[in-house]
Amino acid sequence: MSKFKPKLVRDKIPEIIQSKGKSCLYHIADKDEYLIRLKEKLHEEATELTQQPCLEEAADVIAVFVTLLEACDLDLADVVLHAVTKENERGAFVEKIILDAVDE
């Protein structure tokens, strides 16, 4: 086996690896490790999206984000509603406003 840092992968990845005649080791995470690995994966996918904005990377971010919400017992519909409420109250990010300083 090659040196490999354990990471969360999509459910069918071990099967895909094995179908190509390769072997792999994997385990099923407990809840604590799962949350840690989901957060790592979200950072990984968000970094990839910022480096190469494209449909595939955006889809990966959404997939991990939704899974993380579910793992944290948060409902996507509730999150979207809250986001809309915040946007209505505080605005969005479309006007490209950069806050440089605040006079205390």
PDB file of N, CA and C in Angstrom:
ATOM      1  N   MET A   1       0.839  -1.186   0.000  1.00  0.00           N
ATOM      2  CA  MET A   1       0.000   0.000   0.000  1.00  0.00           C
ATOM      3  C   MET A   1       0.884   1.248   0.000  1.00  0.00           C
ATOM      4  N   SER A   2       0.453   2.260  -0.731  1.00  0.00           N
ATOM      5  CA  SER A   2       1.197   3.520  -0.785  1.00  0.00           C
ATOM      6  C   SER A   2       0.888   4.358   0.449  1.00  0.00           C
ATOM      7  N   LYS A   3       1.752   5.350   0.684  1.00  0.00           N
ATOM      8  CA  LYS A   3       1.493   6.304   1.774  1.00  0.00           C
ATOM      9  C   LYS A   3       0.247   7.087   1.399  1.00  0.00           C
ATOM     10  N   PHE A   4      -0.680   7.177   2.312  1.00  0.00           N
ATOM     11  CA  PHE A   4      -1.958   7.810   2.001  1.00  0.00           C
ATOM     12  C   PHE A   4      -2.512   8.403   3.269  1.00  0.00           C
ATOM     13  N   LYS A   5      -2.903   9.675   3.225  1.00  0.00           N
ATOM     14  CA  LYS A   5      -3.559  10.301   4.364  1.00  0.00           C
ATOM     15  C   LYS A   5      -5.042   9.944   4.314  1.00  0.00           C
ATOM     16  N   PRO A   6      -5.565   9.333   5.361  1.00  0.00           N
ATOM     17  CA  PRO A   6      -6.989   8.961   5.348  1.00  0.00           C
ATOM     18  C   PRO A   6      -7.868  10.178   5.071  1.00  0.00           C
ATOM     19  N   LYS A   7      -8.876   9.988   4.230  1.00  0.00           N
ATOM     20  CA  LYS A   7      -9.813  11.064   3.934  1.00  0.00           C
ATOM     21  C   LYS A   7     -11.173  10.470   3.604  1.00  0.00           C
ATOM     22  N   LEU A   8     -12.186  11.259   3.808  1.00  0.00           N
ATOM     23  CA  LEU A   8     -13.547  10.863   3.471  1.00  0.00           C
ATOM     24  C   LEU A   8     -13.692  10.830   1.952  1.00  0.00           C
ATOM     25  N   VAL A   9     -14.279   9.761   1.455  1.00  0.00           N
ATOM     26  CA  VAL A   9     -14.516   9.625   0.015  1.00  0.00           C
ATOM     27  C   VAL A   9     -15.980   9.266  -0.216  1.00  0.00           C
ATOM     28  N   ARG A  10     -16.407   9.433  -1.441  1.00  0.00           N
ATOM     29  CA  ARG A  10     -17.775   9.059  -1.803  1.00  0.00           C
ATOM     30  C   ARG A  10     -17.976   7.554  -1.588  1.00  0.00           C
ATOM     31  N   ASP A  11     -19.206   7.163  -1.348  1.00  0.00           N
ATOM     32  CA  ASP A  11     -19.544   5.805  -0.930  1.00  0.00           C
ATOM     33  C   ASP A  11     -19.085   4.707  -1.887  1.00  0.00           C
ATOM     34  N   LYS A  12     -19.043   4.988  -3.169  1.00  0.00           N
ATOM     35  CA  LYS A  12     -18.714   3.946  -4.144  1.00  0.00           C
ATOM     36  C   LYS A  12     -17.232   3.893  -4.506  1.00  0.00           C
ATOM     37  N   ILE A  13     -16.409   4.743  -3.920  1.00  0.00           N
ATOM     38  CA  ILE A  13     -14.987   4.803  -4.288  1.00  0.00           C
ATOM     39  C   ILE A  13     -14.252   3.478  -4.030  1.00  0.00           C
ATOM     40  N   PRO A  14     -14.415   2.823  -2.863  1.00  0.00           N
ATOM     41  CA  PRO A  14     -13.719   1.532  -2.698  1.00  0.00           C
ATOM     42  C   PRO A  14     -14.102   0.522  -3.783  1.00  0.00           C
ATOM     43  N   GLU A  15     -15.372   0.469  -4.123  1.00  0.00           N
ATOM     44  CA  GLU A  15     -15.851  -0.452  -5.169  1.00  0.00           C
ATOM     45  C   GLU A  15     -15.228  -0.102  -6.528  1.00  0.00           C
ATOM     46  N   ILE A  16     -15.133   1.173  -6.828  1.00  0.00           N
ATOM     47  CA  ILE A  16     -14.537   1.612  -8.101  1.00  0.00           C
ATOM     48  C   ILE A  16     -13.062   1.245  -8.142  1.00  0.00           C
ATOM     49  N   ILE A  17     -12.358   1.460  -7.042  1.00  0.00           N
ATOM     50  CA  ILE A  17     -10.932   1.096  -6.962  1.00  0.00           C
ATOM     51  C   ILE A  17     -10.759  -0.402  -7.189  1.00  0.00           C
ATOM     52  N   GLN A  18     -11.575  -1.202  -6.513  1.00  0.00           N
ATOM     53  CA  GLN A  18     -11.465  -2.658  -6.620  1.00  0.00           C
ATOM     54  C   GLN A  18     -11.834  -3.149  -8.017  1.00  0.00           C
ATOM     55  N   SER A  19     -12.766  -2.463  -8.689  1.00  0.00           N
ATOM     56  CA  SER A  19     -13.162  -2.876 -10.045  1.00  0.00           C
ATOM     57  C   SER A  19     -12.030  -2.665 -11.046  1.00  0.00           C
ATOM     58  N   LYS A  20     -11.054  -1.853 -10.662  1.00  0.00           N
ATOM     59  CA  LYS A  20      -9.894  -1.605 -11.532  1.00  0.00           C
ATOM     60  C   LYS A  20      -8.726  -2.526 -11.200  1.00  0.00           C
ATOM     61  N   GLY A  21      -8.991  -3.554 -10.361  1.00  0.00           N
ATOM     62  CA  GLY A  21      -7.965  -4.524 -10.018  1.00  0.00           C
ATOM     63  C   GLY A  21      -7.010  -4.068  -8.936  1.00  0.00           C
ATOM     64  N   LYS A  22      -7.323  -2.983  -8.274  1.00  0.00           N
ATOM     65  CA  LYS A  22      -6.480  -2.477  -7.190  1.00  0.00           C
ATOM     66  C   LYS A  22      -7.110  -2.863  -5.859  1.00  0.00           C
ATOM     67  N   SER A  23      -6.323  -2.769  -4.808  1.00  0.00           N
ATOM     68  CA  SER A  23      -6.876  -3.022  -3.476  1.00  0.00           C
ATOM     69  C   SER A  23      -6.792  -1.738  -2.662  1.00  0.00           C
ATOM     70  N   CYS A  24      -7.626  -1.659  -1.659  1.00  0.00           N
ATOM     71  CA  CYS A  24      -7.614  -0.496  -0.773  1.00  0.00           C
ATOM     72  C   CYS A  24      -8.053  -0.929   0.616  1.00  0.00           C
ATOM     73  N   LEU A  25      -7.619  -0.182   1.587  1.00  0.00           N
ATOM     74  CA  LEU A  25      -8.064  -0.366   2.962  1.00  0.00           C
ATOM     75  C   LEU A  25      -8.961   0.811   3.311  1.00  0.00           C
ATOM     76  N   TYR A  26     -10.026   0.531   4.029  1.00  0.00           N
ATOM     77  CA  TYR A  26     -10.897   1.616   4.475  1.00  0.00           C
ATOM     78  C   TYR A  26     -11.612   1.180   5.740  1.00  0.00           C
ATOM     79  N   HIS A  27     -12.178   2.139   6.440  1.00  0.00           N
ATOM     80  CA  HIS A  27     -12.985   1.834   7.618  1.00  0.00           C
ATOM     81  C   HIS A  27     -14.183   2.773   7.629  1.00  0.00           C
ATOM     82  N   ILE A  28     -15.150   2.457   8.445  1.00  0.00           N
ATOM     83  CA  ILE A  28     -16.341   3.279   8.606  1.00  0.00           C
ATOM     84  C   ILE A  28     -16.123   4.156   9.839  1.00  0.00           C
ATOM     85  N   ALA A  29     -16.232   5.466   9.641  1.00  0.00           N
ATOM     86  CA  ALA A  29     -15.980   6.421  10.721  1.00  0.00           C
ATOM     87  C   ALA A  29     -17.096   6.385  11.761  1.00  0.00           C
ATOM     88  N   ASP A  30     -16.711   6.651  12.998  1.00  0.00           N
ATOM     89  CA  ASP A  30     -17.737   6.900  14.015  1.00  0.00           C
ATOM     90  C   ASP A  30     -18.198   8.353  13.848  1.00  0.00           C
ATOM     91  N   LYS A  31     -19.181   8.779  14.622  1.00  0.00           N
ATOM     92  CA  LYS A  31     -19.771  10.109  14.437  1.00  0.00           C
ATOM     93  C   LYS A  31     -18.742  11.227  14.597  1.00  0.00           C
ATOM     94  N   ASP A  32     -17.876  11.124  15.602  1.00  0.00           N
ATOM     95  CA  ASP A  32     -16.884  12.177  15.834  1.00  0.00           C
ATOM     96  C   ASP A  32     -15.914  12.291  14.661  1.00  0.00           C
ATOM     97  N   GLU A  33     -15.386  11.156  14.211  1.00  0.00           N
ATOM     98  CA  GLU A  33     -14.458  11.191  13.080  1.00  0.00           C
ATOM     99  C   GLU A  33     -15.181  11.656  11.819  1.00  0.00           C
ATOM    100  N   TYR A  34     -16.411  11.224  11.640  1.00  0.00           N
ATOM    101  CA  TYR A  34     -17.193  11.602  10.467  1.00  0.00           C
ATOM    102  C   TYR A  34     -17.328  13.123  10.364  1.00  0.00           C
ATOM    103  N   LEU A  35     -17.644  13.765  11.480  1.00  0.00           N
ATOM    104  CA  LEU A  35     -17.776  15.225  11.476  1.00  0.00           C
ATOM    105  C   LEU A  35     -16.450  15.904  11.153  1.00  0.00           C
ATOM    106  N   ILE A  36     -15.371  15.395  11.733  1.00  0.00           N
ATOM    107  CA  ILE A  36     -14.039  15.940  11.441  1.00  0.00           C
ATOM    108  C   ILE A  36     -13.718  15.797   9.961  1.00  0.00           C
ATOM    109  N   ARG A  37     -13.937  14.606   9.408  1.00  0.00           N
ATOM    110  CA  ARG A  37     -13.610  14.344   8.005  1.00  0.00           C
ATOM    111  C   ARG A  37     -14.518  15.127   7.047  1.00  0.00           C
ATOM    112  N   LEU A  38     -15.785  15.326   7.419  1.00  0.00           N
ATOM    113  CA  LEU A  38     -16.670  16.142   6.592  1.00  0.00           C
ATOM    114  C   LEU A  38     -16.175  17.585   6.526  1.00  0.00           C
ATOM    115  N   LYS A  39     -15.744  18.110   7.666  1.00  0.00           N
ATOM    116  CA  LYS A  39     -15.222  19.483   7.692  1.00  0.00           C
ATOM    117  C   LYS A  39     -13.945  19.594   6.861  1.00  0.00           C
ATOM    118  N   GLU A  40     -13.071  18.604   6.979  1.00  0.00           N
ATOM    119  CA  GLU A  40     -11.857  18.587   6.149  1.00  0.00           C
ATOM    120  C   GLU A  40     -12.231  18.548   4.669  1.00  0.00           C
ATOM    121  N   LYS A  41     -13.198  17.713   4.328  1.00  0.00           N
ATOM    122  CA  LYS A  41     -13.614  17.549   2.940  1.00  0.00           C
ATOM    123  C   LYS A  41     -14.234  18.838   2.403  1.00  0.00           C
ATOM    124  N   LEU A  42     -15.009  19.522   3.235  1.00  0.00           N
ATOM    125  CA  LEU A  42     -15.601  20.784   2.800  1.00  0.00           C
ATOM    126  C   LEU A  42     -14.513  21.809   2.491  1.00  0.00           C
ATOM    127  N   HIS A  43     -13.505  21.878   3.358  1.00  0.00           N
ATOM    128  CA  HIS A  43     -12.371  22.784   3.097  1.00  0.00           C
ATOM    129  C   HIS A  43     -11.667  22.397   1.795  1.00  0.00           C
ATOM    130  N   GLU A  44     -11.430  21.117   1.619  1.00  0.00           N
ATOM    131  CA  GLU A  44     -10.764  20.620   0.404  1.00  0.00           C
ATOM    132  C   GLU A  44     -11.554  21.010  -0.845  1.00  0.00           C
ATOM    133  N   GLU A  45     -12.848  20.747  -0.832  1.00  0.00           N
ATOM    134  CA  GLU A  45     -13.674  21.016  -2.002  1.00  0.00           C
ATOM    135  C   GLU A  45     -13.827  22.516  -2.251  1.00  0.00           C
ATOM    136  N   ALA A  46     -13.947  23.303  -1.181  1.00  0.00           N
ATOM    137  CA  ALA A  46     -14.045  24.758  -1.343  1.00  0.00           C
ATOM    138  C   ALA A  46     -12.751  25.327  -1.919  1.00  0.00           C
ATOM    139  N   THR A  47     -11.618  24.803  -1.475  1.00  0.00           N
ATOM    140  CA  THR A  47     -10.328  25.229  -2.030  1.00  0.00           C
ATOM    141  C   THR A  47     -10.250  24.900  -3.509  1.00  0.00           C
ATOM    142  N   GLU A  48     -10.654  23.696  -3.872  1.00  0.00           N
ATOM    143  CA  GLU A  48     -10.640  23.304  -5.279  1.00  0.00           C
ATOM    144  C   GLU A  48     -11.551  24.204  -6.110  1.00  0.00           C
ATOM    145  N   LEU A  49     -12.707  24.573  -5.561  1.00  0.00           N
ATOM    146  CA  LEU A  49     -13.630  25.454  -6.275  1.00  0.00           C
ATOM    147  C   LEU A  49     -13.031  26.844  -6.468  1.00  0.00           C
ATOM    148  N   THR A  50     -12.344  27.358  -5.448  1.00  0.00           N
ATOM    149  CA  THR A  50     -11.748  28.690  -5.601  1.00  0.00           C
ATOM    150  C   THR A  50     -10.578  28.672  -6.568  1.00  0.00           C
ATOM    151  N   GLN A  51      -9.872  27.551  -6.644  1.00  0.00           N
ATOM    152  CA  GLN A  51      -8.733  27.443  -7.560  1.00  0.00           C
ATOM    153  C   GLN A  51      -9.177  27.194  -8.993  1.00  0.00           C
ATOM    154  N   GLN A  52     -10.283  26.466  -9.161  1.00  0.00           N
ATOM    155  CA  GLN A  52     -10.778  26.136 -10.499  1.00  0.00           C
ATOM    156  C   GLN A  52     -12.303  26.144 -10.484  1.00  0.00           C
ATOM    157  N   PRO A  53     -12.898  27.341 -10.562  1.00  0.00           N
ATOM    158  CA  PRO A  53     -14.360  27.405 -10.546  1.00  0.00           C
ATOM    159  C   PRO A  53     -14.962  26.667 -11.744  1.00  0.00           C
ATOM    160  N   CYS A  54     -15.754  25.654 -11.442  1.00  0.00           N
ATOM    161  CA  CYS A  54     -16.422  24.901 -12.505  1.00  0.00           C
ATOM    162  C   CYS A  54     -17.597  24.148 -11.894  1.00  0.00           C
ATOM    163  N   LEU A  55     -18.435  23.624 -12.757  1.00  0.00           N
ATOM    164  CA  LEU A  55     -19.635  22.916 -12.325  1.00  0.00           C
ATOM    165  C   LEU A  55     -19.302  21.719 -11.435  1.00  0.00           C
ATOM    166  N   GLU A  56     -18.298  20.938 -11.815  1.00  0.00           N
ATOM    167  CA  GLU A  56     -17.947  19.743 -11.043  1.00  0.00           C
ATOM    168  C   GLU A  56     -17.526  20.092  -9.619  1.00  0.00           C
ATOM    169  N   GLU A  57     -16.664  21.099  -9.474  1.00  0.00           N
ATOM    170  CA  GLU A  57     -16.200  21.479  -8.134  1.00  0.00           C
ATOM    171  C   GLU A  57     -17.338  22.088  -7.314  1.00  0.00           C
ATOM    172  N   ALA A  58     -18.193  22.880  -7.965  1.00  0.00           N
ATOM    173  CA  ALA A  58     -19.344  23.457  -7.260  1.00  0.00           C
ATOM    174  C   ALA A  58     -20.280  22.357  -6.760  1.00  0.00           C
ATOM    175  N   ALA A  59     -20.487  21.335  -7.589  1.00  0.00           N
ATOM    176  CA  ALA A  59     -21.345  20.211  -7.198  1.00  0.00           C
ATOM    177  C   ALA A  59     -20.752  19.465  -6.003  1.00  0.00           C
ATOM    178  N   ASP A  60     -19.432  19.311  -5.984  1.00  0.00           N
ATOM    179  CA  ASP A  60     -18.776  18.644  -4.854  1.00  0.00           C
ATOM    180  C   ASP A  60     -18.966  19.433  -3.562  1.00  0.00           C
ATOM    181  N   VAL A  61     -18.832  20.749  -3.641  1.00  0.00           N
ATOM    182  CA  VAL A  61     -19.028  21.591  -2.453  1.00  0.00           C
ATOM    183  C   VAL A  61     -20.448  21.423  -1.931  1.00  0.00           C
ATOM    184  N   ILE A  62     -21.413  21.477  -2.831  1.00  0.00           N
ATOM    185  CA  ILE A  62     -22.820  21.325  -2.419  1.00  0.00           C
ATOM    186  C   ILE A  62     -23.060  19.956  -1.783  1.00  0.00           C
ATOM    187  N   ALA A  63     -22.527  18.907  -2.388  1.00  0.00           N
ATOM    188  CA  ALA A  63     -22.736  17.553  -1.861  1.00  0.00           C
ATOM    189  C   ALA A  63     -22.189  17.416  -0.444  1.00  0.00           C
ATOM    190  N   VAL A  64     -20.980  17.917  -0.225  1.00  0.00           N
ATOM    191  CA  VAL A  64     -20.377  17.810   1.108  1.00  0.00           C
ATOM    192  C   VAL A  64     -21.114  18.715   2.094  1.00  0.00           C
ATOM    193  N   PHE A  65     -21.461  19.920   1.663  1.00  0.00           N
ATOM    194  CA  PHE A  65     -22.178  20.864   2.522  1.00  0.00           C
ATOM    195  C   PHE A  65     -23.506  20.282   3.012  1.00  0.00           C
ATOM    196  N   VAL A  66     -24.273  19.726   2.097  1.00  0.00           N
ATOM    197  CA  VAL A  66     -25.576  19.142   2.461  1.00  0.00           C
ATOM    198  C   VAL A  66     -25.379  17.955   3.409  1.00  0.00           C
ATOM    199  N   THR A  67     -24.377  17.136   3.157  1.00  0.00           N
ATOM    200  CA  THR A  67     -24.109  15.993   4.031  1.00  0.00           C
ATOM    201  C   THR A  67     -23.686  16.459   5.423  1.00  0.00           C
ATOM    202  N   LEU A  68     -22.872  17.513   5.489  1.00  0.00           N
ATOM    203  CA  LEU A  68     -22.463  18.060   6.784  1.00  0.00           C
ATOM    204  C   LEU A  68     -23.664  18.610   7.548  1.00  0.00           C
ATOM    205  N   LEU A  69     -24.546  19.309   6.850  1.00  0.00           N
ATOM    206  CA  LEU A  69     -25.768  19.792   7.509  1.00  0.00           C
ATOM    207  C   LEU A  69     -26.541  18.640   8.130  1.00  0.00           C
ATOM    208  N   GLU A  70     -26.738  17.574   7.350  1.00  0.00           N
ATOM    209  CA  GLU A  70     -27.483  16.420   7.850  1.00  0.00           C
ATOM    210  C   GLU A  70     -26.790  15.789   9.053  1.00  0.00           C
ATOM    211  N   ALA A  71     -25.469  15.703   9.003  1.00  0.00           N
ATOM    212  CA  ALA A  71     -24.718  15.107  10.111  1.00  0.00           C
ATOM    213  C   ALA A  71     -24.807  15.962  11.370  1.00  0.00           C
ATOM    214  N   CYS A  72     -25.049  17.247  11.190  1.00  0.00           N
ATOM    215  CA  CYS A  72     -25.186  18.167  12.328  1.00  0.00           C
ATOM    216  C   CYS A  72     -26.654  18.390  12.700  1.00  0.00           C
ATOM    217  N   ASP A  73     -27.538  17.569  12.156  1.00  0.00           N
ATOM    218  CA  ASP A  73     -28.977  17.662  12.410  1.00  0.00           C
ATOM    219  C   ASP A  73     -29.550  19.032  12.035  1.00  0.00           C
ATOM    220  N   LEU A  74     -29.048  19.582  10.938  1.00  0.00           N
ATOM    221  CA  LEU A  74     -29.579  20.832  10.403  1.00  0.00           C
ATOM    222  C   LEU A  74     -30.323  20.516   9.115  1.00  0.00           C
ATOM    223  N   ASP A  75     -31.459  21.167   8.929  1.00  0.00           N
ATOM    224  CA  ASP A  75     -32.285  20.936   7.756  1.00  0.00           C
ATOM    225  C   ASP A  75     -31.939  21.962   6.683  1.00  0.00           C
ATOM    226  N   LEU A  76     -31.671  21.495   5.468  1.00  0.00           N
ATOM    227  CA  LEU A  76     -31.287  22.384   4.378  1.00  0.00           C
ATOM    228  C   LEU A  76     -32.331  23.473   4.150  1.00  0.00           C
ATOM    229  N   ALA A  77     -33.595  23.132   4.196  1.00  0.00           N
ATOM    230  CA  ALA A  77     -34.653  24.124   3.982  1.00  0.00           C
ATOM    231  C   ALA A  77     -34.592  25.217   5.044  1.00  0.00           C
ATOM    232  N   ASP A  78     -34.338  24.833   6.292  1.00  0.00           N
ATOM    233  CA  ASP A  78     -34.207  25.820   7.377  1.00  0.00           C
ATOM    234  C   ASP A  78     -32.998  26.726   7.148  1.00  0.00           C
ATOM    235  N   VAL A  79     -31.903  26.144   6.677  1.00  0.00           N
ATOM    236  CA  VAL A  79     -30.684  26.921   6.420  1.00  0.00           C
ATOM    237  C   VAL A  79     -30.946  27.918   5.292  1.00  0.00           C
ATOM    238  N   VAL A  80     -31.596  27.478   4.229  1.00  0.00           N
ATOM    239  CA  VAL A  80     -31.898  28.374   3.106  1.00  0.00           C
ATOM    240  C   VAL A  80     -32.819  29.503   3.564  1.00  0.00           C
ATOM    241  N   LEU A  81     -33.837  29.178   4.338  1.00  0.00           N
ATOM    242  CA  LEU A  81     -34.755  30.199   4.854  1.00  0.00           C
ATOM    243  C   LEU A  81     -34.002  31.220   5.707  1.00  0.00           C
ATOM    244  N   HIS A  82     -33.112  30.735   6.553  1.00  0.00           N
ATOM    245  CA  HIS A  82     -32.322  31.636   7.403  1.00  0.00           C
ATOM    246  C   HIS A  82     -31.399  32.510   6.547  1.00  0.00           C
ATOM    247  N   ALA A  83     -30.828  31.939   5.503  1.00  0.00           N
ATOM    248  CA  ALA A  83     -29.960  32.708   4.603  1.00  0.00           C
ATOM    249  C   ALA A  83     -30.752  33.821   3.907  1.00  0.00           C
ATOM    250  N   VAL A  84     -31.955  33.507   3.476  1.00  0.00           N
ATOM    251  CA  VAL A  84     -32.804  34.506   2.827  1.00  0.00           C
ATOM    252  C   VAL A  84     -33.153  35.613   3.815  1.00  0.00           C
ATOM    253  N   THR A  85     -33.478  35.236   5.036  1.00  0.00           N
ATOM    254  CA  THR A  85     -33.787  36.225   6.067  1.00  0.00           C
ATOM    255  C   THR A  85     -32.595  37.150   6.315  1.00  0.00           C
ATOM    256  N   LYS A  86     -31.396  36.573   6.441  1.00  0.00           N
ATOM    257  CA  LYS A  86     -30.194  37.384   6.644  1.00  0.00           C
ATOM    258  C   LYS A  86     -29.944  38.302   5.453  1.00  0.00           C
ATOM    259  N   GLU A  87     -30.151  37.774   4.252  1.00  0.00           N
ATOM    260  CA  GLU A  87     -29.951  38.598   3.055  1.00  0.00           C
ATOM    261  C   GLU A  87     -30.932  39.761   3.037  1.00  0.00           C
ATOM    262  N   ASN A  88     -32.180  39.507   3.406  1.00  0.00           N
ATOM    263  CA  ASN A  88     -33.177  40.570   3.450  1.00  0.00           C
ATOM    264  C   ASN A  88     -32.827  41.624   4.494  1.00  0.00           C
ATOM    265  N   GLU A  89     -32.284  41.198   5.625  1.00  0.00           N
ATOM    266  CA  GLU A  89     -31.950  42.119   6.711  1.00  0.00           C
ATOM    267  C   GLU A  89     -30.616  42.848   6.510  1.00  0.00           C
ATOM    268  N   ARG A  90     -29.620  42.133   5.967  1.00  0.00           N
ATOM    269  CA  ARG A  90     -28.260  42.667   5.926  1.00  0.00           C
ATOM    270  C   ARG A  90     -27.688  42.804   4.520  1.00  0.00           C
ATOM    271  N   GLY A  91     -28.409  42.291   3.543  1.00  0.00           N
ATOM    272  CA  GLY A  91     -27.941  42.357   2.164  1.00  0.00           C
ATOM    273  C   GLY A  91     -27.216  41.091   1.769  1.00  0.00           C
ATOM    274  N   ALA A  92     -26.808  41.082   0.494  1.00  0.00           N
ATOM    275  CA  ALA A  92     -26.078  39.933  -0.058  1.00  0.00           C
ATOM    276  C   ALA A  92     -24.610  40.331  -0.215  1.00  0.00           C
ATOM    277  N   PHE A  93     -23.937  39.754  -1.178  1.00  0.00           N
ATOM    278  CA  PHE A  93     -22.534  40.055  -1.444  1.00  0.00           C
ATOM    279  C   PHE A  93     -22.320  40.464  -2.893  1.00  0.00           C
ATOM    280  N   VAL A  94     -23.380  40.879  -3.575  1.00  0.00           N
ATOM    281  CA  VAL A  94     -23.306  41.144  -5.005  1.00  0.00           C
ATOM    282  C   VAL A  94     -22.765  42.523  -5.356  1.00  0.00           C
ATOM    283  N   GLU A  95     -22.813  43.472  -4.436  1.00  0.00           N
ATOM    284  CA  GLU A  95     -22.377  44.828  -4.737  1.00  0.00           C
ATOM    285  C   GLU A  95     -20.872  45.027  -4.541  1.00  0.00           C
ATOM    286  N   LYS A  96     -20.176  43.971  -4.185  1.00  0.00           N
ATOM    287  CA  LYS A  96     -18.701  43.969  -4.104  1.00  0.00           C
ATOM    288  C   LYS A  96     -18.155  44.961  -3.076  1.00  0.00           C
ATOM    289  N   ILE A  97     -18.879  45.186  -2.008  1.00  0.00           N
ATOM    290  CA  ILE A  97     -18.473  46.148  -0.983  1.00  0.00           C
ATOM    291  C   ILE A  97     -17.361  45.552  -0.126  1.00  0.00           C
ATOM    292  N   ILE A  98     -16.256  46.284  -0.022  1.00  0.00           N
ATOM    293  CA  ILE A  98     -15.131  45.901   0.829  1.00  0.00           C
ATOM    294  C   ILE A  98     -15.043  46.912   1.961  1.00  0.00           C
ATOM    295  N   LEU A  99     -15.210  46.467   3.195  1.00  0.00           N
ATOM    296  CA  LEU A  99     -15.134  47.346   4.355  1.00  0.00           C
ATOM    297  C   LEU A  99     -13.666  47.519   4.729  1.00  0.00           C
ATOM    298  N   ASP A 100     -13.173  48.747   4.678  1.00  0.00           N
ATOM    299  CA  ASP A 100     -11.773  49.024   4.931  1.00  0.00           C
ATOM    300  C   ASP A 100     -11.494  49.441   6.373  1.00  0.00           C
ATOM    301  N   ALA A 101     -12.438  50.099   7.013  1.00  0.00           N
ATOM    302  CA  ALA A 101     -12.227  50.538   8.391  1.00  0.00           C
ATOM    303  C   ALA A 101     -13.561  50.972   8.971  1.00  0.00           C
ATOM    304  N   VAL A 102     -13.613  51.007  10.299  1.00  0.00           N
ATOM    305  CA  VAL A 102     -14.779  51.502  11.017  1.00  0.00           C
ATOM    306  C   VAL A 102     -14.271  52.488  12.069  1.00  0.00           C
ATOM    307  N   ASP A 103     -14.815  53.692  12.068  1.00  0.00           N
ATOM    308  CA  ASP A 103     -14.407  54.706  13.051  1.00  0.00           C
ATOM    309  C   ASP A 103     -15.109  54.411  14.357  1.00  0.00           C
ATOM    310  N   GLU A 104     -14.321  54.108  15.374  1.00  0.00           N
ATOM    311  CA  GLU A 104     -14.898  53.823  16.692  1.00  0.00           C
ATOM    312  C   GLU A 104     -15.163  55.133  17.358  1.00  0.00           C
TER     313      GLU A 104
END
